[in-house]
Structure formats: C-alpha cells, structure tokens
Amino acid sequence: MINRLNEPTHGSIEYDGTVVTDLKGVALNEWRRNCAMVFQQFNLVGRLDVLTNVLMGRLTTVPTWRALLTLWSDADKLDALETLDRFGMADFAAQRCDQLSGGQQQRVAICRALLQRPQIILADEPIASLDPKNTQMVMDALKRINNELGITVICNLHDLDIARSYCNRLVGMSQGQIVFDDVPENFTESLSQSLYGIEVNDSELISQANLNSPKVVSLNRQINRA
C-alpha cells in the first residue's frame, strides 16, 4: 500500500509532509518512482540481458519511443554498469536473466530499483525463495544500500533472526494491528510467544532499516488498512 499498488480501505499514508493516499496522476507516478519495489519473484524479463533489465529502472524518465527502441543514453548505461559492479554483477551484464540463479536475479532486481534513483526501497519478501547463501548476499546488498547510499529500506520478512541481524527497527503485525514497534533487541522470544504464540523464526514482521522520516507508515502487504 505504501506505493499505492493496493489501496487502503481507510486511513492515510504520509511521508515527509506528503499525504501519499491523496496523490493522483503525475504526482502518483512521481511517488512510485521515488518508492522503488523489489519483488519476491524478481519480475525480470528472462529473455532480455541483465543490462537491459536494469535499464528498465529508467523507464519513468525517458520518452516511450526511446524505451521501446532501447535507445538508452550513454549516461544511463554507465550508471547501470556501475550499479551492477557495486553488487558484483557487472560480469553478467550481457547474459540473459533466465540463465541466472535466484540470488543473482534478485541482485539484478535491486540494481533495477536503484536506477529509479528512489528515496525509499520497498522489498516484498525478497529472500523468500532463496537458499541461505543467496539470502545473505541479498540482505547484505540491501544493507549496503541503506548504509552507503542513505536510502530507506522497508523490508517485509518472516524470519526474526534475519530481521534482527540486519535492521534497526521492527514493526510487528498481528490480525491487522501493530503489536510491536521498537528496536530489534527488544523483540524477545518470550514476547514473540505472547504476541503470536509461535517461535521467533516464524513471526511475521515488517523490518525497516534506517527510517529516515518518522512519518513513513509501515504496513504489511496483507493488511487492508493504513
């Protein structure tokens, strides 16, 4: 709901003085550019090469005819290659995305999100389909984005251990209500048991790294209200 792909049934979402739920037309498109998505299933075009997939992050800033003809500027290509290099994917720039591993594809998706030059990255269960090694690589990449680029990362996770290892704020949801909003150290196993009746590793959480603005409302994607 933060990027308005789903609409809240009531309430509002605010960020840095802007009422996101009131945005329409050009203003809504601009918000979505500033609020990049990283999806669980990557949402890459498998038959296209890695570089072209990353350049898709510039679609909101180039004329449609240029995008259709893949007439990307040299500056955009350089930006894409530098971003891929930052996350160890530059050597795969000419390779088809459907030939990559899951972790590699997710890093390509992260690079595509960065090409939007966003203020916020929303990561929707970005490690749900990955093995432990690729899970660490993807979470390391998101943490680097937050630490080195100063971009707010809001990440929907189901593994409390990972959330506590990488994030500095956790928001726990249960039955459509916020039941926890604090630093990770204070979300103990006993608290998880009392709130959810399950072990901490099974707790459903939204974790947020470096919330730059206190006006951002963090919502679980399954909740129908703000």
Protein backbone atom coordinates (compact mmCIF):
# COMPACT_ATOMS: atom_id res chain seq x y z
CA MET A 1 0.00 0.00 0.00
CA ILE A 2 2.89 2.40 0.53
CA ASN A 3 3.36 2.69 -3.24
CA ARG A 4 -0.43 2.54 -3.84
CA LEU A 5 -0.39 -0.71 -5.81
CA ASN A 6 -3.09 -1.64 -3.29
CA GLU A 7 -5.40 0.98 -1.85
CA PRO A 8 -6.16 1.18 1.89
CA THR A 9 -9.83 0.87 2.87
CA HIS A 10 -9.44 3.78 5.25
CA GLY A 11 -6.79 5.91 6.96
CA SER A 12 -3.89 7.64 5.28
CA ILE A 13 -0.22 7.18 4.45
CA GLU A 14 2.07 10.15 4.92
CA TYR A 15 5.71 10.72 4.05
CA ASP A 16 7.73 13.87 4.70
CA GLY A 17 4.65 16.09 4.75
CA THR A 18 3.02 14.45 1.71
CA VAL A 19 -0.27 12.61 2.05
CA VAL A 20 0.50 9.69 -0.25
CA THR A 21 -3.09 8.46 -0.28
CA ASP A 22 -4.21 11.77 -1.86
CA LEU A 23 -1.79 11.61 -4.80
CA LYS A 24 -3.16 11.23 -8.33
CA GLY A 25 -1.89 11.30 -11.91
CA VAL A 26 1.60 12.71 -12.39
CA ALA A 27 2.15 13.15 -8.66
CA LEU A 28 1.32 9.49 -8.01
CA ASN A 29 3.67 8.35 -10.78
CA GLU A 30 6.43 10.50 -9.30
CA TRP A 31 5.83 8.96 -5.88
CA ARG A 32 6.11 5.47 -7.34
CA ARG A 33 9.39 6.43 -8.98
CA ASN A 34 10.68 7.61 -5.61
CA CYS A 35 9.41 4.44 -3.93
CA ALA A 36 11.04 1.54 -5.83
CA MET A 37 9.85 -2.07 -5.45
CA VAL A 38 11.89 -5.24 -5.09
CA PHE A 39 9.56 -8.21 -5.58
CA GLN A 40 9.74 -11.74 -4.20
CA GLN A 41 9.66 -13.26 -7.71
CA PHE A 42 12.13 -10.73 -9.19
CA ASN A 43 9.80 -9.60 -12.07
CA LEU A 44 12.61 -9.57 -14.61
CA VAL A 45 12.26 -10.18 -18.35
CA GLY A 46 14.05 -13.51 -18.66
CA ARG A 47 14.80 -13.33 -22.40
CA LEU A 48 16.48 -9.93 -22.07
CA ASP A 49 20.03 -9.41 -20.90
CA VAL A 50 20.93 -8.20 -17.44
CA LEU A 51 21.92 -4.68 -18.53
CA THR A 52 18.63 -4.08 -20.34
CA ASN A 53 16.65 -5.31 -17.33
CA VAL A 54 18.50 -2.89 -15.06
CA LEU A 55 17.95 -0.03 -17.51
CA MET A 56 14.21 -0.62 -17.20
CA GLY A 57 14.54 1.31 -13.97
CA ARG A 58 14.90 4.46 -16.10
CA LEU A 59 11.58 3.97 -17.93
CA THR A 60 9.87 6.74 -15.96
CA THR A 61 12.45 9.30 -17.09
CA VAL A 62 12.82 8.60 -20.83
CA PRO A 63 10.34 9.06 -23.70
CA THR A 64 8.32 5.96 -24.56
CA TRP A 65 9.72 5.75 -28.09
CA ARG A 66 13.28 5.66 -26.79
CA ALA A 67 12.43 2.93 -24.31
CA LEU A 68 10.69 0.82 -26.99
CA LEU A 69 13.72 1.13 -29.27
CA THR A 70 16.10 0.58 -26.32
CA LEU A 71 17.88 3.81 -27.15
CA TRP A 72 19.39 4.33 -23.73
CA SER A 73 21.77 7.21 -23.17
CA ASP A 74 25.45 6.56 -22.52
CA ALA A 75 25.00 8.11 -19.07
CA ASP A 76 22.21 5.66 -18.22
CA LYS A 77 24.25 2.71 -19.49
CA LEU A 78 27.23 3.78 -17.41
CA ASP A 79 25.00 4.23 -14.36
CA ALA A 80 23.57 0.74 -14.85
CA LEU A 81 27.00 -0.86 -15.27
CA GLU A 82 28.38 0.92 -12.21
CA THR A 83 25.38 -0.22 -10.18
CA LEU A 84 25.84 -3.81 -11.34
CA ASP A 85 29.52 -3.61 -10.48
CA ARG A 86 28.69 -2.38 -6.97
CA PHE A 87 26.85 -5.64 -6.34
CA GLY A 88 29.19 -7.99 -8.17
CA MET A 89 27.02 -8.44 -11.26
CA ALA A 90 28.86 -6.43 -13.93
CA ASP A 91 30.36 -9.57 -15.49
CA PHE A 92 26.82 -10.81 -16.20
CA ALA A 93 25.67 -7.65 -17.99
CA ALA A 94 25.32 -9.36 -21.39
CA GLN A 95 23.82 -12.59 -20.06
CA ARG A 96 20.11 -13.44 -20.26
CA CYS A 97 18.36 -13.10 -16.93
CA ASP A 98 16.71 -16.52 -17.17
CA GLN A 99 20.20 -18.06 -17.04
CA LEU A 100 20.96 -16.59 -13.61
CA SER A 101 20.47 -18.11 -10.17
CA GLY A 102 17.72 -16.82 -7.89
CA GLY A 103 20.14 -14.76 -5.83
CA GLN A 104 21.71 -13.25 -8.93
CA GLN A 105 18.31 -12.36 -10.33
CA GLN A 106 17.33 -10.66 -7.09
CA ARG A 107 20.52 -8.59 -7.15
CA VAL A 108 19.67 -7.56 -10.72
CA ALA A 109 16.21 -6.56 -9.49
CA ILE A 110 17.81 -4.48 -6.73
CA CYS A 111 20.03 -2.76 -9.30
CA ARG A 112 16.97 -2.01 -11.43
CA ALA A 113 15.29 -0.43 -8.39
CA LEU A 114 18.36 1.73 -7.78
CA LEU A 115 18.25 3.00 -11.38
CA GLN A 116 14.99 4.73 -10.43
CA ARG A 117 17.08 6.83 -8.02
CA PRO A 118 14.49 6.35 -5.28
CA GLN A 119 14.20 7.77 -1.80
CA ILE A 120 12.75 4.50 -0.48
CA ILE A 121 13.10 0.86 -1.49
CA LEU A 122 10.23 -1.48 -0.64
CA ALA A 123 11.35 -5.10 -0.54
CA ASP A 124 8.46 -7.58 -0.51
CA GLU A 125 9.79 -10.84 0.94
CA PRO A 126 12.97 -10.53 -1.15
CA ILE A 127 14.57 -13.69 0.28
CA ALA A 128 11.52 -15.98 0.47
CA SER A 129 12.61 -18.19 -2.44
CA LEU A 130 16.38 -18.12 -1.82
CA ASP A 131 18.80 -20.52 -0.18
CA PRO A 132 20.84 -19.38 2.86
CA LYS A 133 23.88 -18.26 0.84
CA ASN A 134 21.84 -16.12 -1.55
CA THR A 135 19.71 -14.88 1.34
CA GLN A 136 22.81 -13.41 2.94
CA MET A 137 24.00 -11.87 -0.32
CA VAL A 138 20.66 -10.17 -0.97
CA MET A 139 20.29 -8.90 2.59
CA ASP A 140 23.90 -7.67 2.51
CA ALA A 141 23.07 -5.77 -0.67
CA LEU A 142 20.03 -4.11 0.90
CA LYS A 143 22.04 -3.19 3.99
CA ARG A 144 24.78 -1.64 1.84
CA ILE A 145 22.17 0.45 0.03
CA ASN A 146 20.95 1.74 3.34
CA ASN A 147 24.37 2.33 4.91
CA GLU A 148 26.30 3.61 1.90
CA LEU A 149 23.63 5.41 -0.13
CA GLY A 150 21.38 6.56 2.71
CA ILE A 151 18.25 5.11 1.08
CA THR A 152 15.48 3.98 3.42
CA VAL A 153 14.76 0.25 3.03
CA ILE A 154 11.44 -1.20 4.19
CA CYS A 155 11.55 -4.97 4.04
CA ASN A 156 8.73 -7.45 4.63
CA LEU A 157 10.28 -10.51 6.33
CA HIS A 158 9.16 -13.66 8.13
CA ASP A 159 12.46 -14.57 9.80
CA LEU A 160 13.08 -12.70 13.02
CA ASP A 161 16.73 -13.75 13.26
CA ILE A 162 17.46 -12.16 9.88
CA ALA A 163 15.41 -9.09 10.74
CA ARG A 164 17.30 -8.59 14.00
CA SER A 165 20.65 -9.11 12.26
CA TYR A 166 20.12 -6.54 9.51
CA CYS A 167 17.59 -3.97 10.67
CA ASN A 168 17.45 -1.27 13.30
CA ARG A 169 13.68 -1.07 13.63
CA LEU A 170 10.99 -3.76 13.60
CA VAL A 171 7.25 -3.35 13.20
CA GLY A 172 5.28 -6.49 14.06
CA MET A 173 1.75 -7.07 12.74
CA SER A 174 -0.98 -9.39 14.02
CA GLN A 175 -4.64 -9.52 12.96
CA GLY A 176 -4.37 -6.19 11.17
CA GLN A 177 -2.87 -4.38 14.15
CA ILE A 178 0.62 -3.13 15.00
CA VAL A 179 1.67 -5.14 18.06
CA PHE A 180 5.36 -4.20 18.18
CA ASP A 181 7.33 -1.13 17.08
CA ASP A 182 10.77 -0.91 18.60
CA VAL A 183 14.43 -1.80 18.20
CA PRO A 184 15.19 -5.46 17.34
CA GLU A 185 16.86 -6.17 20.68
CA ASN A 186 13.54 -5.71 22.48
CA PHE A 187 11.69 -8.32 20.39
CA THR A 188 12.49 -11.34 22.54
CA GLU A 189 11.40 -14.93 22.13
CA SER A 190 9.08 -14.62 25.12
CA LEU A 191 7.45 -11.56 23.56
CA SER A 192 7.04 -13.41 20.28
CA GLN A 193 5.35 -16.26 22.12
CA SER A 194 2.96 -13.92 23.91
CA LEU A 195 2.07 -11.91 20.79
CA TYR A 196 1.97 -14.66 18.18
CA GLY A 197 2.01 -17.95 20.08
CA ILE A 198 4.85 -19.16 17.84
CA GLU A 199 8.61 -19.35 17.79
CA VAL A 200 10.51 -16.22 16.85
CA ASN A 201 11.65 -17.58 13.49
CA ASP A 202 8.03 -17.88 12.39
CA SER A 203 6.96 -14.40 13.45
CA GLU A 204 5.50 -12.26 10.70
CA LEU A 205 7.26 -8.95 10.61
CA ILE A 206 7.95 -5.91 8.64
CA SER A 207 11.52 -4.82 9.26
CA GLN A 208 12.77 -1.40 8.43
CA ALA A 209 16.35 -0.26 8.03
CA ASN A 210 17.12 3.36 8.82
CA LEU A 211 13.70 5.00 8.83
CA ASN A 212 14.78 8.44 7.64
CA SER A 213 11.39 10.02 8.23
CA PRO A 214 9.13 9.22 11.18
CA LYS A 215 6.10 9.96 9.00
CA VAL A 216 6.52 6.85 6.88
CA VAL A 217 3.78 4.35 7.74
CA SER A 218 5.00 0.75 7.52
CA LEU A 219 2.30 -1.70 6.52
CA ASN A 220 2.16 -5.43 5.95
CA ARG A 221 1.01 -6.13 2.39
CA GLN A 222 -1.78 -8.38 3.74
CA ILE A 223 -3.38 -5.63 5.79
CA ASN A 224 -6.26 -3.70 4.16
CA ARG A 225 -5.99 -0.52 6.09
CA ALA A 226 -3.43 2.16 6.85
